[in-house]
Amino acid sequence: MATDATAKFHPPDLLPASGDLGVMQHDGIHFWQFMVAGSVAGLVEHTAMFPVDTLKTRMQTGSPPCQPLLSLRQALRTILAAEGTRGLYRGLGAMSLGAGPAHAVYFSVYELSKESLSAGNPNNPVVHAASGVLATISSDAVFTPMDTVKQRLQLKSSPYKGFVDCVARVLREEGIRAFFASYKTTVLMNAPYTAVHFATYEAAKRGLTEISPDSVNDERLVVHATAGAAAGALAAAVTTPLDVVKTQLQCQGVCGCDRFSSSSTSEVIHAIVRRDGYMGLLRGWKPRMLFHAPAAAICWTTYEAAKSFFHKLNDQK
């Protein structure tokens, strides 16, 4: 992220130009530039990995109790046979509307939190984890409604014609609360996910740059991609059960999915265990890891490349 292990990654730490948020700089970049870099990174990441996300959603919403759970290969074959390649991209519009703003909030809050909490120690993993948690609480409030629409559109035989139809029908039939039914669970999932992710990313990046500090400028994209992939895979594996709960809450009552009396995480967990056993909480772990490892690599590489672009732009000015 903004603070790296080597001196070659250290522009001025804090350059308050004139006091207002639009011109305040951290790591030599304006606040709005962090938001743009994060937005671009989020859109590239989610668009590139969207088919894998669709497979995960199909596996996590599952089959009726009388049928076996879908495997990754079965889910892919079912979608391609019934819907073709387009079936893998249902809900892409909703994702695009949510991912850009959410990632703009995500990265900008992370950068500002890390700067304010670091107290002169840029390599503190506790600060990285805490900053990540603050970032995800903020960004999830932006992304959860669009994620709900996206997942409902991703379902097999989804009853919605498209993004507008889904939003209108959910508002009319279930009310605005339906868009936020999974927010608490999403935060419960993404808080540890982000804590593990950012702490692992910063540690892995620091370790990789220390291995070959002389060539760090030439290999920085490889470093970001490798550290991001490791962080994404580990964090995804740890938080899969809560991701299953989140998906069940967002898709409840649609296409045969169970409906719950409340948005209680514990209620959903008990329902899944009763129906599918404890293995039901691990539904979709393979596509989740297949999604988050390359997605994190893509996201971090894009984000750091965008930051590098803004660095050069600001230096020219």
Protein backbone atom coordinates (compact mmCIF):
# COMPACT_ATOMS: atom_id res chain seq x y z
CA MET A 1 0.00 0.00 0.00
CA ALA A 2 1.18 3.53 0.64
CA THR A 3 4.00 2.67 3.03
CA ASP A 4 6.55 0.13 1.87
CA ALA A 5 9.56 -1.52 3.38
CA THR A 6 12.28 0.13 1.31
CA ALA A 7 13.39 3.70 0.96
CA LYS A 8 12.70 3.51 -2.76
CA PHE A 9 8.99 3.38 -1.95
CA HIS A 10 9.02 6.42 0.34
CA PRO A 11 7.90 9.75 -1.11
CA PRO A 12 7.03 12.38 1.50
CA ASP A 13 4.71 10.87 4.11
CA LEU A 14 2.32 13.75 4.63
CA LEU A 15 2.15 16.89 2.56
CA PRO A 16 -0.79 19.05 3.67
CA ALA A 17 -0.99 21.52 0.84
CA SER A 18 -3.77 23.83 1.94
CA GLY A 19 -5.77 22.04 4.59
CA ASP A 20 -8.81 20.87 2.71
CA LEU A 21 -9.45 17.19 1.98
CA GLY A 22 -9.31 17.59 -1.78
CA VAL A 23 -5.64 18.69 -1.78
CA MET A 24 -4.33 16.84 1.28
CA GLN A 25 -1.56 14.44 0.34
CA HIS A 26 -0.36 11.19 1.88
CA ASP A 27 2.53 9.33 0.28
CA GLY A 28 2.67 12.10 -2.31
CA ILE A 29 -0.85 11.47 -3.64
CA HIS A 30 -4.03 13.53 -3.30
CA PHE A 31 -6.99 12.09 -1.44
CA TRP A 32 -9.15 12.04 -4.60
CA GLN A 33 -6.38 10.16 -6.43
CA PHE A 34 -6.52 7.37 -3.83
CA MET A 35 -10.25 7.15 -4.50
CA VAL A 36 -9.80 6.99 -8.28
CA ALA A 37 -7.03 4.37 -7.98
CA GLY A 38 -9.17 2.26 -5.64
CA SER A 39 -12.23 2.56 -7.88
CA VAL A 40 -10.31 1.46 -10.98
CA ALA A 41 -8.70 -1.42 -9.07
CA GLY A 42 -12.08 -2.65 -7.81
CA LEU A 43 -13.71 -2.54 -11.24
CA VAL A 44 -10.82 -4.37 -12.93
CA GLU A 45 -10.67 -7.00 -10.18
CA HIS A 46 -14.39 -7.82 -10.08
CA THR A 47 -14.91 -7.71 -13.84
CA ALA A 48 -11.99 -10.05 -14.51
CA MET A 49 -13.11 -12.57 -11.88
CA PHE A 50 -16.89 -12.26 -12.24
CA PRO A 51 -17.50 -15.74 -13.76
CA VAL A 52 -15.80 -17.37 -10.76
CA ASP A 53 -17.95 -15.28 -8.43
CA THR A 54 -21.06 -16.55 -10.23
CA LEU A 55 -19.93 -20.16 -9.71
CA LYS A 56 -19.40 -19.47 -6.01
CA THR A 57 -22.88 -17.98 -5.64
CA ARG A 58 -24.50 -20.97 -7.38
CA MET A 59 -22.63 -23.42 -5.14
CA GLN A 60 -23.39 -21.53 -1.94
CA THR A 61 -27.10 -21.16 -2.58
CA GLY A 62 -27.02 -24.86 -3.30
CA SER A 63 -29.41 -27.51 -4.46
CA PRO A 64 -32.65 -28.68 -2.85
CA PRO A 65 -32.16 -31.06 0.12
CA CYS A 66 -32.98 -34.09 -2.04
CA GLN A 67 -30.06 -33.39 -4.39
CA PRO A 68 -26.30 -33.49 -3.77
CA LEU A 69 -24.37 -30.24 -3.46
CA LEU A 70 -22.92 -28.96 -6.71
CA SER A 71 -19.20 -29.28 -7.28
CA LEU A 72 -17.23 -26.57 -9.06
CA ARG A 73 -17.19 -28.53 -12.31
CA GLN A 74 -20.90 -29.37 -12.09
CA ALA A 75 -21.80 -25.75 -11.44
CA LEU A 76 -19.81 -24.62 -14.50
CA ARG A 77 -21.30 -27.33 -16.74
CA THR A 78 -24.84 -26.54 -15.57
CA ILE A 79 -24.53 -22.83 -16.31
CA LEU A 80 -22.89 -23.31 -19.72
CA ALA A 81 -25.41 -25.98 -20.79
CA ALA A 82 -28.53 -24.05 -19.74
CA GLU A 83 -27.52 -20.42 -20.20
CA GLY A 84 -24.31 -20.30 -22.18
CA THR A 85 -21.41 -17.99 -21.45
CA ARG A 86 -23.78 -15.08 -20.77
CA GLY A 87 -25.04 -16.92 -17.69
CA LEU A 88 -21.65 -16.43 -16.07
CA TYR A 89 -22.03 -12.66 -16.34
CA ARG A 90 -25.58 -12.08 -15.04
CA GLY A 91 -25.41 -9.29 -12.46
CA LEU A 92 -22.25 -7.72 -13.89
CA GLY A 93 -23.98 -4.33 -14.17
CA ALA A 94 -24.97 -4.30 -10.51
CA MET A 95 -21.45 -5.25 -9.54
CA SER A 96 -20.00 -2.44 -11.66
CA LEU A 97 -22.26 0.15 -10.03
CA GLY A 98 -21.24 -0.99 -6.55
CA ALA A 99 -17.58 -1.99 -6.89
CA GLY A 100 -16.24 1.35 -8.09
CA PRO A 101 -17.61 3.55 -5.27
CA ALA A 102 -17.06 0.84 -2.64
CA HIS A 103 -13.40 0.39 -3.52
CA ALA A 104 -12.89 4.15 -3.67
CA VAL A 105 -14.09 4.30 -0.05
CA TYR A 106 -12.19 1.13 0.85
CA PHE A 107 -8.72 2.23 -0.20
CA SER A 108 -9.02 5.88 0.78
CA VAL A 109 -10.22 5.01 4.31
CA TYR A 110 -7.42 2.44 4.59
CA GLU A 111 -4.74 4.91 3.55
CA LEU A 112 -5.97 7.66 5.88
CA SER A 113 -6.47 5.25 8.80
CA LYS A 114 -3.02 3.74 8.37
CA GLU A 115 -1.42 7.18 8.29
CA SER A 116 -3.26 8.41 11.38
CA LEU A 117 -2.79 5.20 13.42
CA SER A 118 0.81 4.37 12.50
CA ALA A 119 2.41 6.82 14.98
CA GLY A 120 5.65 6.78 13.04
CA ASN A 121 5.82 2.97 12.69
CA PRO A 122 4.82 2.11 9.09
CA ASN A 123 5.42 -1.63 9.55
CA ASN A 124 3.00 -2.28 12.41
CA PRO A 125 0.73 -5.26 11.45
CA VAL A 126 -1.83 -4.30 14.12
CA VAL A 127 -2.24 -0.89 12.48
CA HIS A 128 -2.59 -2.52 9.06
CA ALA A 129 -5.26 -4.88 10.38
CA ALA A 130 -7.16 -2.15 12.24
CA SER A 131 -7.06 0.16 9.23
CA GLY A 132 -8.38 -2.68 7.07
CA VAL A 133 -11.31 -3.25 9.45
CA LEU A 134 -12.24 0.46 9.38
CA ALA A 135 -12.02 0.40 5.59
CA THR A 136 -14.31 -2.59 5.21
CA ILE A 137 -16.96 -1.27 7.61
CA SER A 138 -17.18 1.86 5.46
CA SER A 139 -17.05 0.20 2.05
CA ASP A 140 -19.52 -2.59 2.93
CA ALA A 141 -22.19 0.01 3.65
CA VAL A 142 -21.78 1.14 0.03
CA PHE A 143 -21.42 -2.27 -1.64
CA THR A 144 -23.90 -4.51 0.23
CA PRO A 145 -27.08 -3.31 -1.59
CA MET A 146 -25.49 -3.83 -5.02
CA ASP A 147 -24.02 -7.16 -3.92
CA THR A 148 -27.52 -8.29 -2.95
CA VAL A 149 -28.85 -7.39 -6.40
CA LYS A 150 -25.85 -9.03 -8.09
CA GLN A 151 -26.27 -12.33 -6.26
CA ARG A 152 -30.01 -12.49 -6.91
CA LEU A 153 -29.34 -12.02 -10.61
CA GLN A 154 -26.66 -14.72 -10.50
CA LEU A 155 -29.09 -17.38 -9.28
CA LYS A 156 -30.23 -20.21 -11.54
CA SER A 157 -33.64 -19.32 -13.05
CA SER A 158 -33.48 -15.86 -11.46
CA PRO A 159 -36.97 -14.32 -11.60
CA TYR A 160 -35.62 -10.85 -12.34
CA LYS A 161 -35.31 -9.44 -15.86
CA GLY A 162 -32.31 -7.30 -14.98
CA PHE A 163 -30.85 -4.75 -12.59
CA VAL A 164 -33.73 -2.24 -12.66
CA ASP A 165 -36.39 -4.94 -12.36
CA CYS A 166 -34.60 -6.54 -9.42
CA VAL A 167 -34.22 -3.27 -7.51
CA ALA A 168 -37.85 -2.28 -8.14
CA ARG A 169 -39.29 -5.67 -7.14
CA VAL A 170 -37.19 -6.01 -3.99
CA LEU A 171 -38.19 -2.51 -2.90
CA ARG A 172 -41.85 -3.21 -3.61
CA GLU A 173 -42.04 -6.74 -2.18
CA GLU A 174 -39.50 -6.71 0.66
CA GLY A 175 -38.64 -3.11 1.40
CA ILE A 176 -35.29 -1.34 1.58
CA ARG A 177 -34.18 -3.45 4.58
CA ALA A 178 -33.78 -6.43 2.23
CA PHE A 179 -30.80 -4.72 0.62
CA PHE A 180 -29.03 -4.58 3.99
CA ALA A 181 -30.16 -7.93 5.46
CA SER A 182 -26.62 -9.29 5.18
CA TYR A 183 -24.75 -6.13 6.25
CA LYS A 184 -23.93 -7.32 9.79
CA THR A 185 -22.83 -10.71 8.52
CA THR A 186 -20.82 -9.06 5.73
CA VAL A 187 -18.97 -6.89 8.24
CA LEU A 188 -18.44 -9.91 10.52
CA MET A 189 -16.95 -11.72 7.53
CA ASN A 190 -14.99 -8.89 5.97
CA ALA A 191 -13.53 -7.52 9.21
CA PRO A 192 -11.40 -10.64 9.87
CA TYR A 193 -10.96 -11.13 6.10
CA THR A 194 -9.58 -7.62 5.69
CA ALA A 195 -7.50 -7.81 8.87
CA VAL A 196 -5.84 -11.03 7.67
CA HIS A 197 -5.62 -9.73 4.10
CA PHE A 198 -3.94 -6.39 4.80
CA ALA A 199 -1.63 -7.74 7.50
CA THR A 200 -0.57 -10.62 5.23
CA TYR A 201 -0.19 -8.35 2.21
CA GLU A 202 1.98 -5.81 3.99
CA ALA A 203 4.12 -8.53 5.62
CA ALA A 204 4.52 -10.49 2.38
CA LYS A 205 5.34 -7.35 0.42
CA ARG A 206 7.90 -6.29 3.00
CA GLY A 207 9.48 -9.76 3.03
CA LEU A 208 9.65 -9.95 -0.76
CA THR A 209 11.22 -6.51 -1.10
CA GLU A 210 13.83 -7.35 1.55
CA ILE A 211 14.87 -10.46 -0.40
CA SER A 212 16.00 -8.36 -3.36
CA PRO A 213 15.97 -4.66 -2.37
CA ASP A 214 18.24 -3.58 -5.26
CA SER A 215 15.75 -4.72 -7.90
CA VAL A 216 12.57 -3.72 -6.10
CA ASN A 217 11.70 -0.96 -8.58
CA ASP A 218 12.00 -3.37 -11.50
CA GLU A 219 9.97 -6.10 -9.80
CA ARG A 220 7.41 -4.08 -7.85
CA LEU A 221 4.39 -5.30 -9.85
CA VAL A 222 5.45 -8.92 -9.32
CA VAL A 223 5.85 -8.18 -5.61
CA HIS A 224 2.38 -6.63 -5.36
CA ALA A 225 0.80 -9.48 -7.33
CA THR A 226 2.49 -12.21 -5.29
CA ALA A 227 1.78 -10.59 -1.94
CA GLY A 228 -1.80 -9.86 -2.96
CA ALA A 229 -2.45 -13.42 -4.12
CA ALA A 230 -1.10 -14.89 -0.88
CA ALA A 231 -3.15 -12.48 1.21
CA GLY A 232 -6.33 -13.08 -0.77
CA ALA A 233 -6.10 -16.87 -0.64
CA LEU A 234 -5.43 -17.04 3.10
CA ALA A 235 -8.13 -14.53 4.03
CA ALA A 236 -10.68 -16.24 1.76
CA ALA A 237 -10.06 -19.66 3.29
CA VAL A 238 -10.48 -18.36 6.84
CA THR A 239 -13.78 -16.57 6.20
CA THR A 240 -15.65 -18.97 3.87
CA PRO A 241 -18.34 -20.01 6.45
CA LEU A 242 -19.43 -16.40 6.94
CA ASP A 243 -19.47 -15.87 3.19
CA VAL A 244 -21.91 -18.79 2.89
CA VAL A 245 -24.14 -17.14 5.52
CA LYS A 246 -23.97 -13.81 3.69
CA THR A 247 -25.01 -15.41 0.39
CA GLN A 248 -27.91 -17.28 2.04
CA LEU A 249 -29.20 -14.02 3.58
CA GLN A 250 -28.93 -12.06 0.35
CA CYS A 251 -30.71 -14.70 -1.73
CA GLN A 252 -33.31 -15.86 0.81
CA GLY A 253 -36.73 -16.63 -0.59
CA VAL A 254 -35.54 -16.52 -4.23
CA CYS A 255 -35.37 -19.57 -6.52
CA GLY A 256 -36.10 -22.01 -3.70
CA CYS A 257 -33.56 -20.59 -1.24
CA ASP A 258 -34.57 -20.79 2.43
CA ARG A 259 -36.12 -17.73 4.07
CA PHE A 260 -35.07 -16.79 7.59
CA SER A 261 -37.10 -15.11 10.30
CA SER A 262 -34.30 -12.63 11.03
CA SER A 263 -30.89 -11.59 9.75
CA SER A 264 -29.19 -13.31 12.69
CA THR A 265 -25.91 -14.91 11.68
CA SER A 266 -26.25 -17.64 14.30
CA GLU A 267 -29.75 -18.56 13.06
CA VAL A 268 -28.50 -19.00 9.51
CA ILE A 269 -25.50 -21.04 10.66
CA HIS A 270 -27.76 -23.39 12.64
CA ALA A 271 -30.11 -23.75 9.65
CA ILE A 272 -27.23 -24.61 7.31
CA VAL A 273 -25.76 -27.15 9.75
CA ARG A 274 -29.18 -28.80 10.26
CA ARG A 275 -29.74 -29.07 6.52
CA ASP A 276 -26.27 -29.84 5.16
CA GLY A 277 -24.06 -30.60 8.14
CA TYR A 278 -20.91 -28.65 8.95
CA MET A 279 -19.61 -29.16 5.41
CA GLY A 280 -22.45 -26.91 4.28
CA LEU A 281 -20.54 -23.99 5.80
CA LEU A 282 -17.70 -24.66 3.38
CA ARG A 283 -19.79 -24.50 0.24
CA GLY A 284 -17.95 -22.71 -2.53
CA TRP A 285 -14.57 -22.60 -0.79
CA LYS A 286 -12.76 -23.63 -3.97
CA PRO A 287 -14.19 -20.90 -6.23
CA ARG A 288 -13.88 -18.45 -3.33
CA MET A 289 -10.14 -19.09 -3.12
CA LEU A 290 -9.90 -19.24 -6.92
CA PHE A 291 -11.60 -15.84 -6.95
CA HIS A 292 -9.75 -14.06 -4.17
CA ALA A 293 -6.16 -15.13 -4.89
CA PRO A 294 -6.00 -13.78 -8.46
CA ALA A 295 -8.54 -11.05 -7.67
CA ALA A 296 -6.34 -9.67 -4.90
CA ALA A 297 -3.29 -9.90 -7.16
CA ILE A 298 -5.15 -8.00 -9.91
CA CYS A 299 -6.56 -5.46 -7.46
CA TRP A 300 -3.29 -4.64 -5.72
CA THR A 301 -1.32 -4.54 -8.97
CA THR A 302 -3.87 -2.21 -10.58
CA TYR A 303 -4.07 -0.05 -7.46
CA GLU A 304 -0.30 0.32 -7.15
CA ALA A 305 0.03 0.97 -10.91
CA ALA A 306 -2.60 3.71 -10.65
CA LYS A 307 -0.78 5.21 -7.66
CA SER A 308 2.47 5.14 -9.62
CA PHE A 309 0.75 6.97 -12.48
CA PHE A 310 -0.49 9.67 -10.10
CA HIS A 311 2.97 9.95 -8.53
CA LYS A 312 4.47 10.72 -11.94
CA LEU A 313 1.62 13.09 -12.78
CA ASN A 314 2.10 15.02 -9.53
CA ASP A 315 5.88 15.14 -9.99
CA GLN A 316 5.44 16.63 -13.46
CA LYS A 317 3.22 19.34 -12.00
